[in-house]
N, C-alpha and C. Protein backbone atom coordinates (compact mmCIF):
# COMPACT_ATOMS: atom_id res chain seq x y z
N MET A 1 39.64 -23.97 -4.41
CA MET A 1 40.18 -25.21 -3.90
C MET A 1 41.59 -24.94 -3.39
N ASP A 2 41.93 -25.44 -2.23
CA ASP A 2 43.25 -25.28 -1.62
C ASP A 2 44.22 -26.25 -2.27
N THR A 3 45.25 -25.71 -2.93
CA THR A 3 46.20 -26.58 -3.62
C THR A 3 47.24 -27.14 -2.69
N HIS A 4 47.25 -26.71 -1.41
CA HIS A 4 48.24 -27.19 -0.46
C HIS A 4 47.70 -28.30 0.45
N GLY A 5 46.40 -28.48 0.47
CA GLY A 5 45.81 -29.51 1.33
C GLY A 5 45.71 -30.83 0.60
N PRO A 6 45.04 -31.80 1.21
CA PRO A 6 44.88 -33.11 0.56
C PRO A 6 44.02 -32.98 -0.70
N ALA A 7 44.25 -33.87 -1.64
CA ALA A 7 43.48 -33.85 -2.89
C ALA A 7 42.01 -34.14 -2.57
N PRO A 8 41.11 -33.44 -3.26
CA PRO A 8 39.68 -33.69 -3.01
C PRO A 8 39.27 -35.08 -3.51
N ASP A 9 38.24 -35.62 -2.89
CA ASP A 9 37.73 -36.92 -3.32
C ASP A 9 36.60 -36.71 -4.33
N LEU A 10 36.05 -37.79 -4.85
CA LEU A 10 35.00 -37.71 -5.85
C LEU A 10 33.78 -36.96 -5.31
N ALA A 11 33.44 -37.15 -4.04
CA ALA A 11 32.29 -36.47 -3.45
C ALA A 11 32.44 -34.95 -3.53
N TYR A 12 33.67 -34.46 -3.43
CA TYR A 12 33.92 -33.02 -3.56
C TYR A 12 33.44 -32.54 -4.94
N TYR A 13 33.86 -33.24 -5.99
CA TYR A 13 33.48 -32.84 -7.34
C TYR A 13 31.98 -33.01 -7.59
N GLU A 14 31.38 -34.02 -6.99
CA GLU A 14 29.93 -34.22 -7.15
C GLU A 14 29.13 -33.08 -6.51
N ALA A 15 29.73 -32.38 -5.55
CA ALA A 15 29.05 -31.28 -4.86
C ALA A 15 29.34 -29.91 -5.48
N VAL A 16 30.22 -29.85 -6.47
CA VAL A 16 30.57 -28.57 -7.08
C VAL A 16 29.35 -27.99 -7.80
N PRO A 17 29.05 -26.70 -7.58
CA PRO A 17 27.90 -26.08 -8.25
C PRO A 17 28.27 -25.58 -9.65
N TYR A 18 28.23 -26.48 -10.61
CA TYR A 18 28.55 -26.11 -11.99
C TYR A 18 27.47 -25.22 -12.57
N LEU A 19 27.86 -24.36 -13.49
CA LEU A 19 26.92 -23.49 -14.20
C LEU A 19 25.96 -24.36 -15.01
N LEU A 20 24.68 -24.11 -14.88
CA LEU A 20 23.65 -24.86 -15.60
C LEU A 20 23.02 -23.94 -16.64
N VAL A 21 22.92 -24.42 -17.88
CA VAL A 21 22.28 -23.68 -18.96
C VAL A 21 21.11 -24.51 -19.46
N MET A 22 19.93 -23.87 -19.56
CA MET A 22 18.74 -24.56 -20.06
C MET A 22 18.17 -23.71 -21.19
N GLU A 23 17.83 -24.35 -22.29
CA GLU A 23 17.23 -23.63 -23.40
C GLU A 23 16.27 -24.55 -24.14
N SER A 24 15.37 -23.93 -24.90
CA SER A 24 14.47 -24.69 -25.77
C SER A 24 15.08 -24.75 -27.15
N VAL A 25 15.06 -25.95 -27.74
CA VAL A 25 15.61 -26.14 -29.08
C VAL A 25 14.61 -26.92 -29.92
N GLU A 26 14.61 -26.67 -31.21
CA GLU A 26 13.72 -27.40 -32.12
C GLU A 26 14.51 -28.49 -32.83
N ARG A 27 14.00 -29.69 -32.78
CA ARG A 27 14.62 -30.83 -33.45
C ARG A 27 13.55 -31.49 -34.32
N HIS A 28 13.69 -31.37 -35.62
CA HIS A 28 12.78 -32.02 -36.58
C HIS A 28 11.32 -31.68 -36.30
N GLY A 29 11.05 -30.39 -36.05
CA GLY A 29 9.69 -29.92 -35.83
C GLY A 29 9.17 -30.13 -34.41
N GLU A 30 9.98 -30.64 -33.53
CA GLU A 30 9.57 -30.88 -32.13
C GLU A 30 10.42 -30.02 -31.21
N TRP A 31 9.78 -29.39 -30.24
CA TRP A 31 10.51 -28.56 -29.28
C TRP A 31 10.96 -29.41 -28.10
N LEU A 32 12.24 -29.28 -27.79
CA LEU A 32 12.84 -30.00 -26.67
C LEU A 32 13.49 -29.00 -25.71
N ARG A 33 13.72 -29.46 -24.49
CA ARG A 33 14.48 -28.68 -23.52
C ARG A 33 15.88 -29.27 -23.49
N ARG A 34 16.87 -28.40 -23.64
CA ARG A 34 18.28 -28.81 -23.64
C ARG A 34 18.91 -28.25 -22.38
N ALA A 35 19.46 -29.15 -21.57
CA ALA A 35 20.16 -28.76 -20.34
C ALA A 35 21.63 -29.10 -20.52
N GLU A 36 22.50 -28.24 -20.01
CA GLU A 36 23.93 -28.43 -20.23
C GLU A 36 24.74 -27.84 -19.08
N TYR A 37 25.83 -28.51 -18.76
CA TYR A 37 26.86 -27.96 -17.87
C TYR A 37 28.03 -27.62 -18.79
N PRO A 38 28.14 -26.36 -19.26
CA PRO A 38 29.18 -26.02 -20.23
C PRO A 38 30.60 -26.21 -19.70
N GLU A 39 30.78 -26.19 -18.40
CA GLU A 39 32.12 -26.39 -17.82
C GLU A 39 32.55 -27.86 -17.83
N LEU A 40 31.60 -28.75 -18.11
CA LEU A 40 31.90 -30.18 -18.22
C LEU A 40 31.68 -30.58 -19.67
N PRO A 41 32.74 -30.65 -20.46
CA PRO A 41 32.60 -30.94 -21.89
C PRO A 41 31.76 -32.18 -22.17
N GLY A 42 30.76 -32.00 -23.04
CA GLY A 42 29.91 -33.12 -23.44
C GLY A 42 28.80 -33.45 -22.48
N CYS A 43 28.65 -32.68 -21.41
CA CYS A 43 27.61 -32.97 -20.41
C CYS A 43 26.33 -32.23 -20.79
N VAL A 44 25.52 -32.91 -21.62
CA VAL A 44 24.32 -32.33 -22.21
C VAL A 44 23.20 -33.36 -22.18
N ALA A 45 21.97 -32.88 -22.02
CA ALA A 45 20.81 -33.78 -22.08
C ALA A 45 19.65 -33.03 -22.72
N GLU A 46 18.85 -33.75 -23.49
CA GLU A 46 17.65 -33.18 -24.10
C GLU A 46 16.46 -34.07 -23.79
N ALA A 47 15.30 -33.41 -23.58
CA ALA A 47 14.07 -34.14 -23.30
C ALA A 47 12.89 -33.23 -23.63
N THR A 48 11.68 -33.81 -23.60
CA THR A 48 10.50 -33.01 -23.92
C THR A 48 10.10 -32.07 -22.78
N SER A 49 10.53 -32.34 -21.57
CA SER A 49 10.22 -31.45 -20.45
C SER A 49 11.51 -31.01 -19.77
N ALA A 50 11.45 -29.84 -19.13
CA ALA A 50 12.62 -29.32 -18.42
C ALA A 50 13.02 -30.25 -17.27
N VAL A 51 12.04 -30.77 -16.56
CA VAL A 51 12.33 -31.66 -15.43
C VAL A 51 13.05 -32.92 -15.91
N GLU A 52 12.56 -33.51 -16.98
CA GLU A 52 13.19 -34.72 -17.52
C GLU A 52 14.61 -34.42 -18.01
N ALA A 53 14.79 -33.26 -18.65
CA ALA A 53 16.13 -32.88 -19.12
C ALA A 53 17.08 -32.71 -17.94
N LEU A 54 16.61 -32.11 -16.86
CA LEU A 54 17.46 -31.94 -15.67
C LEU A 54 17.81 -33.28 -15.04
N GLU A 55 16.85 -34.18 -14.97
CA GLU A 55 17.11 -35.51 -14.41
C GLU A 55 18.14 -36.26 -15.24
N LYS A 56 17.99 -36.21 -16.56
CA LYS A 56 18.95 -36.88 -17.45
C LYS A 56 20.32 -36.23 -17.34
N LEU A 57 20.35 -34.90 -17.23
CA LEU A 57 21.62 -34.18 -17.12
C LEU A 57 22.34 -34.57 -15.83
N GLU A 58 21.61 -34.70 -14.74
CA GLU A 58 22.24 -35.07 -13.46
C GLU A 58 22.87 -36.46 -13.56
N ARG A 59 22.17 -37.39 -14.17
CA ARG A 59 22.75 -38.73 -14.36
C ARG A 59 24.02 -38.66 -15.22
N GLU A 60 23.97 -37.84 -16.26
CA GLU A 60 25.12 -37.69 -17.15
C GLU A 60 26.30 -37.03 -16.42
N ARG A 61 26.01 -36.04 -15.58
CA ARG A 61 27.06 -35.37 -14.82
C ARG A 61 27.77 -36.35 -13.89
N LEU A 62 27.01 -37.14 -13.16
CA LEU A 62 27.60 -38.12 -12.25
C LEU A 62 28.39 -39.19 -13.00
N ARG A 63 27.87 -39.62 -14.16
CA ARG A 63 28.57 -40.61 -14.98
C ARG A 63 29.90 -40.04 -15.48
N LEU A 64 29.86 -38.81 -15.97
CA LEU A 64 31.06 -38.18 -16.51
C LEU A 64 32.10 -37.95 -15.42
N LEU A 65 31.67 -37.47 -14.26
CA LEU A 65 32.62 -37.26 -13.16
C LEU A 65 33.27 -38.57 -12.74
N ARG A 66 32.49 -39.63 -12.64
CA ARG A 66 33.02 -40.95 -12.26
C ARG A 66 34.02 -41.43 -13.31
N GLN A 67 33.68 -41.26 -14.58
CA GLN A 67 34.57 -41.68 -15.66
C GLN A 67 35.91 -40.92 -15.59
N LEU A 68 35.86 -39.61 -15.42
CA LEU A 68 37.09 -38.83 -15.31
C LEU A 68 37.90 -39.24 -14.09
N TRP A 69 37.21 -39.45 -12.97
CA TRP A 69 37.86 -39.85 -11.71
C TRP A 69 38.57 -41.20 -11.88
N ASP A 70 37.85 -42.16 -12.45
CA ASP A 70 38.42 -43.50 -12.63
C ASP A 70 39.64 -43.49 -13.55
N ARG A 71 39.64 -42.62 -14.54
CA ARG A 71 40.78 -42.52 -15.46
C ARG A 71 41.93 -41.70 -14.89
N GLY A 72 41.67 -41.00 -13.79
CA GLY A 72 42.69 -40.12 -13.23
C GLY A 72 42.85 -38.84 -14.03
N ALA A 73 41.85 -38.53 -14.84
CA ALA A 73 41.88 -37.33 -15.68
C ALA A 73 41.51 -36.11 -14.84
N PRO A 74 41.99 -34.94 -15.23
CA PRO A 74 41.61 -33.74 -14.49
C PRO A 74 40.11 -33.48 -14.61
N ILE A 75 39.52 -33.06 -13.52
CA ILE A 75 38.09 -32.75 -13.50
C ILE A 75 37.96 -31.23 -13.47
N PRO A 76 37.25 -30.66 -14.45
CA PRO A 76 37.10 -29.21 -14.46
C PRO A 76 36.35 -28.70 -13.24
N VAL A 77 36.83 -27.59 -12.71
CA VAL A 77 36.16 -26.93 -11.59
C VAL A 77 35.94 -25.48 -12.02
N PRO A 78 34.74 -24.97 -11.80
CA PRO A 78 34.47 -23.59 -12.21
C PRO A 78 35.42 -22.61 -11.52
N ARG A 79 35.70 -21.52 -12.22
CA ARG A 79 36.51 -20.50 -11.59
C ARG A 79 35.70 -19.87 -10.46
N PRO A 80 36.36 -19.38 -9.43
CA PRO A 80 35.61 -18.74 -8.35
C PRO A 80 34.89 -17.50 -8.87
N PRO A 81 33.80 -17.12 -8.25
CA PRO A 81 33.09 -15.92 -8.70
C PRO A 81 33.98 -14.69 -8.52
N LEU A 82 33.75 -13.71 -9.36
CA LEU A 82 34.49 -12.46 -9.21
C LEU A 82 34.06 -11.79 -7.91
N LEU A 83 35.03 -11.27 -7.21
CA LEU A 83 34.72 -10.57 -5.97
C LEU A 83 34.28 -9.16 -6.28
N ARG A 84 33.23 -8.73 -5.63
CA ARG A 84 32.78 -7.36 -5.81
C ARG A 84 33.61 -6.46 -4.91
N PRO A 85 33.99 -5.29 -5.42
CA PRO A 85 34.73 -4.38 -4.55
C PRO A 85 33.85 -3.93 -3.39
N LYS A 86 34.47 -3.78 -2.26
CA LYS A 86 33.72 -3.31 -1.10
C LYS A 86 33.34 -1.86 -1.32
N PRO A 87 32.09 -1.52 -1.02
CA PRO A 87 31.69 -0.11 -1.20
C PRO A 87 32.50 0.79 -0.26
N SER A 88 32.89 1.93 -0.80
CA SER A 88 33.63 2.86 0.05
C SER A 88 32.65 3.58 0.97
N ARG A 89 33.10 3.87 2.14
CA ARG A 89 32.25 4.55 3.12
C ARG A 89 32.60 6.02 3.13
N SER A 90 31.60 6.83 2.94
CA SER A 90 31.82 8.27 3.02
C SER A 90 31.67 8.70 4.47
N ARG A 91 32.56 9.58 4.88
CA ARG A 91 32.48 10.05 6.27
C ARG A 91 32.05 11.47 6.33
């Protein structure tokens, strides 16, 4: 993100590709799918299917981003990916 340009709007944060983690967890003898955006504290959803967990997580992500935006709180943005060194060319 360019710190010298205009501040990003909410749509900018809604388009950020946050890291998504999906795992199976057992709750009281039942297996659930747990989806999470670890870069967004508390942004977690569980459901019996992966699709349902992802749908619930997306709603939670948008709700959380809106809540942070409305409060004027900082919105976490993932660090940029590490750059790979350019391969050296042998002559």
